[in-house]
Amino acid sequence: MSQSNAFVEVFVANHPQALKRAGELSSGAAAAPEALRIDGVSDFEVEQLCALAAQAVHSAGEQELEMADIAVDELYAFPATALRVLEELPKYHEEGEDPALATVAGRWAEDEDVPFSTAEAQRHLLALTALAGAVDSGSRQRLYLWSA
């Protein structure tokens, strides 16, 4: 269950950079300008968002965040299947239906543990899909999530 002081920060990095950023966040660092900080949710609500996105684009595969490093309990990595779903979501539109991104944002905002409006959920989801699209698959970069 989310708490009012909970937040997540999502960012693109390689493993050493992710560990460094996790240390900074553990020490109370401010939000990074190139990262997405979402207040009021935990890693669990982000996993639920990924599952909703996967359903919307009719994608199978693991959406559960992976522990990124055994030494840092708060640091997670998005699996490749979640990245593909997030990259596809902004373009996905079934005939006769609203764009999938808007539908997913609305369903996510309806969750009792998500403390913001559909419009804010959609802004967060757009930023998350942009970060997913920024991961260079030819590098050692991944999409990471740190959860307070």
C-alpha atoms as a PDB file:
ATOM      1  CA  MET A   1       0.000   0.000   0.000  1.00  0.00           C
ATOM      2  CA  SER A   2       1.338   3.414  -0.883  1.00  0.00           C
ATOM      3  CA  GLN A   3       2.047   6.044   1.726  1.00  0.00           C
ATOM      4  CA  SER A   4       1.950   9.810   1.445  1.00  0.00           C
ATOM      5  CA  ASN A   5       5.743  10.050   1.917  1.00  0.00           C
ATOM      6  CA  ALA A   6       6.458   7.239  -0.533  1.00  0.00           C
ATOM      7  CA  PHE A   7       7.862   7.953  -3.968  1.00  0.00           C
ATOM      8  CA  VAL A   8       9.637   6.267  -6.818  1.00  0.00           C
ATOM      9  CA  GLU A   9      12.259   7.614  -9.144  1.00  0.00           C
ATOM     10  CA  VAL A  10      12.655   6.035 -12.578  1.00  0.00           C
ATOM     11  CA  PHE A  11      15.828   6.627 -14.569  1.00  0.00           C
ATOM     12  CA  VAL A  12      18.014   5.256 -17.359  1.00  0.00           C
ATOM     13  CA  ALA A  13      21.514   4.189 -16.344  1.00  0.00           C
ATOM     14  CA  ASN A  14      24.094   1.461 -16.490  1.00  0.00           C
ATOM     15  CA  HIS A  15      24.538  -0.667 -13.365  1.00  0.00           C
ATOM     16  CA  PRO A  16      27.339   1.373 -11.709  1.00  0.00           C
ATOM     17  CA  GLN A  17      25.441   4.612 -12.379  1.00  0.00           C
ATOM     18  CA  ALA A  18      22.267   3.070 -10.945  1.00  0.00           C
ATOM     19  CA  LEU A  19      24.059   2.034  -7.767  1.00  0.00           C
ATOM     20  CA  LYS A  20      25.511   5.534  -7.410  1.00  0.00           C
ATOM     21  CA  ARG A  21      22.083   7.123  -7.907  1.00  0.00           C
ATOM     22  CA  ALA A  22      20.517   4.705  -5.411  1.00  0.00           C
ATOM     23  CA  GLY A  23      23.085   5.816  -2.832  1.00  0.00           C
ATOM     24  CA  GLU A  24      22.285   9.461  -3.532  1.00  0.00           C
ATOM     25  CA  LEU A  25      18.557   8.820  -3.216  1.00  0.00           C
ATOM     26  CA  SER A  26      19.066   6.909   0.032  1.00  0.00           C
ATOM     27  CA  SER A  27      20.856  10.006   1.336  1.00  0.00           C
ATOM     28  CA  GLY A  28      17.907  12.236   0.441  1.00  0.00           C
ATOM     29  CA  ALA A  29      18.946  13.573  -2.980  1.00  0.00           C
ATOM     30  CA  ALA A  30      16.535  15.758  -4.909  1.00  0.00           C
ATOM     31  CA  ALA A  31      14.879  14.524  -8.068  1.00  0.00           C
ATOM     32  CA  ALA A  32      17.224  14.296 -11.032  1.00  0.00           C
ATOM     33  CA  PRO A  33      16.146  16.450 -14.013  1.00  0.00           C
ATOM     34  CA  GLU A  34      16.421  13.532 -16.453  1.00  0.00           C
ATOM     35  CA  ALA A  35      14.498  11.152 -14.175  1.00  0.00           C
ATOM     36  CA  LEU A  36      10.819  10.677 -13.412  1.00  0.00           C
ATOM     37  CA  ARG A  37       9.819  11.068  -9.778  1.00  0.00           C
ATOM     38  CA  ILE A  38       6.318   9.972  -8.847  1.00  0.00           C
ATOM     39  CA  ASP A  39       5.179  10.909  -5.352  1.00  0.00           C
ATOM     40  CA  GLY A  40       2.747   8.807  -3.358  1.00  0.00           C
ATOM     41  CA  VAL A  41       3.369   5.429  -4.993  1.00  0.00           C
ATOM     42  CA  SER A  42       5.712   2.503  -4.479  1.00  0.00           C
ATOM     43  CA  ASP A  43       7.291  -0.056  -6.767  1.00  0.00           C
ATOM     44  CA  PHE A  44       4.137  -2.151  -6.370  1.00  0.00           C
ATOM     45  CA  GLU A  45       1.894   0.463  -7.994  1.00  0.00           C
ATOM     46  CA  VAL A  46       4.384   0.803 -10.866  1.00  0.00           C
ATOM     47  CA  GLU A  47       4.281  -2.972 -11.370  1.00  0.00           C
ATOM     48  CA  GLN A  48       0.490  -2.726 -11.510  1.00  0.00           C
ATOM     49  CA  LEU A  49       0.822   0.012 -14.123  1.00  0.00           C
ATOM     50  CA  CYS A  50       3.080  -2.215 -16.231  1.00  0.00           C
ATOM     51  CA  ALA A  51       0.566  -5.062 -15.947  1.00  0.00           C
ATOM     52  CA  LEU A  52      -2.264  -2.762 -17.087  1.00  0.00           C
ATOM     53  CA  ALA A  53      -0.133  -1.601 -20.026  1.00  0.00           C
ATOM     54  CA  ALA A  54       0.645  -5.203 -20.995  1.00  0.00           C
ATOM     55  CA  GLN A  55      -3.054  -6.065 -20.982  1.00  0.00           C
ATOM     56  CA  ALA A  56      -3.851  -3.017 -23.119  1.00  0.00           C
ATOM     57  CA  VAL A  57      -1.366  -3.943 -25.845  1.00  0.00           C
ATOM     58  CA  HIS A  58      -2.174  -7.658 -25.575  1.00  0.00           C
ATOM     59  CA  SER A  59       1.345  -8.574 -24.552  1.00  0.00           C
ATOM     60  CA  ALA A  60       2.444 -11.586 -22.583  1.00  0.00           C
ATOM     61  CA  GLY A  61       5.589 -11.730 -20.522  1.00  0.00           C
ATOM     62  CA  GLU A  62       6.968 -10.725 -17.172  1.00  0.00           C
ATOM     63  CA  GLN A  63       6.037  -7.247 -15.943  1.00  0.00           C
ATOM     64  CA  GLU A  64       7.310  -7.636 -12.387  1.00  0.00           C
ATOM     65  CA  LEU A  65      10.282  -5.445 -11.539  1.00  0.00           C
ATOM     66  CA  GLU A  66      13.540  -7.279 -10.906  1.00  0.00           C
ATOM     67  CA  MET A  67      15.814  -6.681  -7.946  1.00  0.00           C
ATOM     68  CA  ALA A  68      18.763  -4.842  -9.515  1.00  0.00           C
ATOM     69  CA  ASP A  69      21.398  -5.584  -6.899  1.00  0.00           C
ATOM     70  CA  ILE A  70      21.319  -7.757  -3.809  1.00  0.00           C
ATOM     71  CA  ALA A  71      23.055  -5.007  -1.798  1.00  0.00           C
ATOM     72  CA  VAL A  72      20.351  -2.372  -2.507  1.00  0.00           C
ATOM     73  CA  ASP A  73      16.831  -3.430  -1.549  1.00  0.00           C
ATOM     74  CA  GLU A  74      15.213  -0.268  -2.965  1.00  0.00           C
ATOM     75  CA  LEU A  75      16.654  -0.547  -6.496  1.00  0.00           C
ATOM     76  CA  TYR A  76      14.783  -2.415  -9.225  1.00  0.00           C
ATOM     77  CA  ALA A  77      15.178  -2.879 -12.970  1.00  0.00           C
ATOM     78  CA  PHE A  78      12.388  -3.142 -15.507  1.00  0.00           C
ATOM     79  CA  PRO A  79      12.439  -6.452 -17.409  1.00  0.00           C
ATOM     80  CA  ALA A  80      12.855  -6.305 -21.198  1.00  0.00           C
ATOM     81  CA  THR A  81       9.211  -7.320 -21.688  1.00  0.00           C
ATOM     82  CA  ALA A  82       8.028  -4.303 -19.677  1.00  0.00           C
ATOM     83  CA  LEU A  83      10.256  -2.009 -21.741  1.00  0.00           C
ATOM     84  CA  ARG A  84       8.729  -3.316 -24.962  1.00  0.00           C
ATOM     85  CA  VAL A  85       5.215  -2.781 -23.606  1.00  0.00           C
ATOM     86  CA  LEU A  86       6.000   0.757 -22.469  1.00  0.00           C
ATOM     87  CA  GLU A  87       7.598   1.601 -25.812  1.00  0.00           C
ATOM     88  CA  GLU A  88       4.575   0.255 -27.714  1.00  0.00           C
ATOM     89  CA  LEU A  89       1.852   1.775 -25.520  1.00  0.00           C
ATOM     90  CA  PRO A  90       1.832   5.379 -26.886  1.00  0.00           C
ATOM     91  CA  LYS A  91       1.317   4.092 -30.446  1.00  0.00           C
ATOM     92  CA  TYR A  92      -1.266   1.434 -29.598  1.00  0.00           C
ATOM     93  CA  HIS A  93      -4.867   2.147 -30.539  1.00  0.00           C
ATOM     94  CA  GLU A  94      -7.541  -0.475 -31.098  1.00  0.00           C
ATOM     95  CA  GLU A  95     -10.177   0.309 -33.665  1.00  0.00           C
ATOM     96  CA  GLY A  96     -13.125   2.142 -32.137  1.00  0.00           C
ATOM     97  CA  GLU A  97     -11.444   2.634 -28.757  1.00  0.00           C
ATOM     98  CA  ASP A  98      -9.599   5.408 -26.985  1.00  0.00           C
ATOM     99  CA  PRO A  99      -5.820   5.353 -27.269  1.00  0.00           C
ATOM    100  CA  ALA A 100      -4.457   2.619 -25.012  1.00  0.00           C
ATOM    101  CA  LEU A 101      -2.273   5.057 -23.076  1.00  0.00           C
ATOM    102  CA  ALA A 102      -5.282   7.113 -21.973  1.00  0.00           C
ATOM    103  CA  THR A 103      -7.196   3.974 -21.014  1.00  0.00           C
ATOM    104  CA  VAL A 104      -4.283   2.590 -18.987  1.00  0.00           C
ATOM    105  CA  ALA A 105      -3.751   5.918 -17.198  1.00  0.00           C
ATOM    106  CA  GLY A 106      -7.437   6.038 -16.293  1.00  0.00           C
ATOM    107  CA  ARG A 107      -7.452   2.494 -14.930  1.00  0.00           C
ATOM    108  CA  TRP A 108      -4.294   3.164 -12.947  1.00  0.00           C
ATOM    109  CA  ALA A 109      -5.739   6.351 -11.428  1.00  0.00           C
ATOM    110  CA  GLU A 110      -8.836   4.381 -10.342  1.00  0.00           C
ATOM    111  CA  ASP A 111      -6.677   2.225  -8.033  1.00  0.00           C
ATOM    112  CA  GLU A 112      -7.281   3.249  -4.424  1.00  0.00           C
ATOM    113  CA  ASP A 113      -3.525   3.305  -3.759  1.00  0.00           C
ATOM    114  CA  VAL A 114      -2.791   5.737  -6.605  1.00  0.00           C
ATOM    115  CA  PRO A 115      -3.177   9.239  -5.148  1.00  0.00           C
ATOM    116  CA  PHE A 116      -3.628  11.337  -8.268  1.00  0.00           C
ATOM    117  CA  SER A 117      -6.017  12.151 -11.105  1.00  0.00           C
ATOM    118  CA  THR A 118      -6.246  10.511 -14.495  1.00  0.00           C
ATOM    119  CA  ALA A 119      -4.604  13.555 -16.085  1.00  0.00           C
ATOM    120  CA  GLU A 120      -1.632  13.329 -13.717  1.00  0.00           C
ATOM    121  CA  ALA A 121      -1.450   9.557 -14.209  1.00  0.00           C
ATOM    122  CA  GLN A 122      -1.333  10.135 -17.958  1.00  0.00           C
ATOM    123  CA  ARG A 123       1.531  12.674 -17.584  1.00  0.00           C
ATOM    124  CA  HIS A 124       3.489  10.176 -15.476  1.00  0.00           C
ATOM    125  CA  LEU A 125       2.800   7.381 -17.945  1.00  0.00           C
ATOM    126  CA  LEU A 126       3.901   9.516 -20.925  1.00  0.00           C
ATOM    127  CA  ALA A 127       7.143  10.361 -19.115  1.00  0.00           C
ATOM    128  CA  LEU A 128       7.672   6.697 -18.254  1.00  0.00           C
ATOM    129  CA  THR A 129       7.156   5.612 -21.859  1.00  0.00           C
ATOM    130  CA  ALA A 130       9.628   8.292 -22.996  1.00  0.00           C
ATOM    131  CA  LEU A 131      12.247   6.962 -20.567  1.00  0.00           C
ATOM    132  CA  ALA A 132      11.620   3.408 -21.773  1.00  0.00           C
ATOM    133  CA  GLY A 133      12.160   4.591 -25.333  1.00  0.00           C
ATOM    134  CA  ALA A 134      15.432   6.282 -24.336  1.00  0.00           C
ATOM    135  CA  VAL A 135      17.081   3.014 -23.256  1.00  0.00           C
ATOM    136  CA  ASP A 136      19.754   2.115 -25.791  1.00  0.00           C
ATOM    137  CA  SER A 137      19.358  -1.628 -26.319  1.00  0.00           C
ATOM    138  CA  GLY A 138      22.900  -1.835 -27.713  1.00  0.00           C
ATOM    139  CA  SER A 139      24.416  -0.492 -24.502  1.00  0.00           C
ATOM    140  CA  ARG A 140      24.433  -1.728 -20.938  1.00  0.00           C
ATOM    141  CA  GLN A 141      21.749   0.761 -19.979  1.00  0.00           C
ATOM    142  CA  ARG A 142      18.538  -0.315 -18.331  1.00  0.00           C
ATOM    143  CA  LEU A 143      15.468   1.370 -16.941  1.00  0.00           C
ATOM    144  CA  TYR A 144      15.754   1.453 -13.156  1.00  0.00           C
ATOM    145  CA  LEU A 145      13.339   2.292 -10.384  1.00  0.00           C
ATOM    146  CA  TRP A 146      14.276   3.339  -6.866  1.00  0.00           C
ATOM    147  CA  SER A 147      11.487   3.114  -4.295  1.00  0.00           C
ATOM    148  CA  ALA A 148      11.465   5.091  -1.045  1.00  0.00           C
END
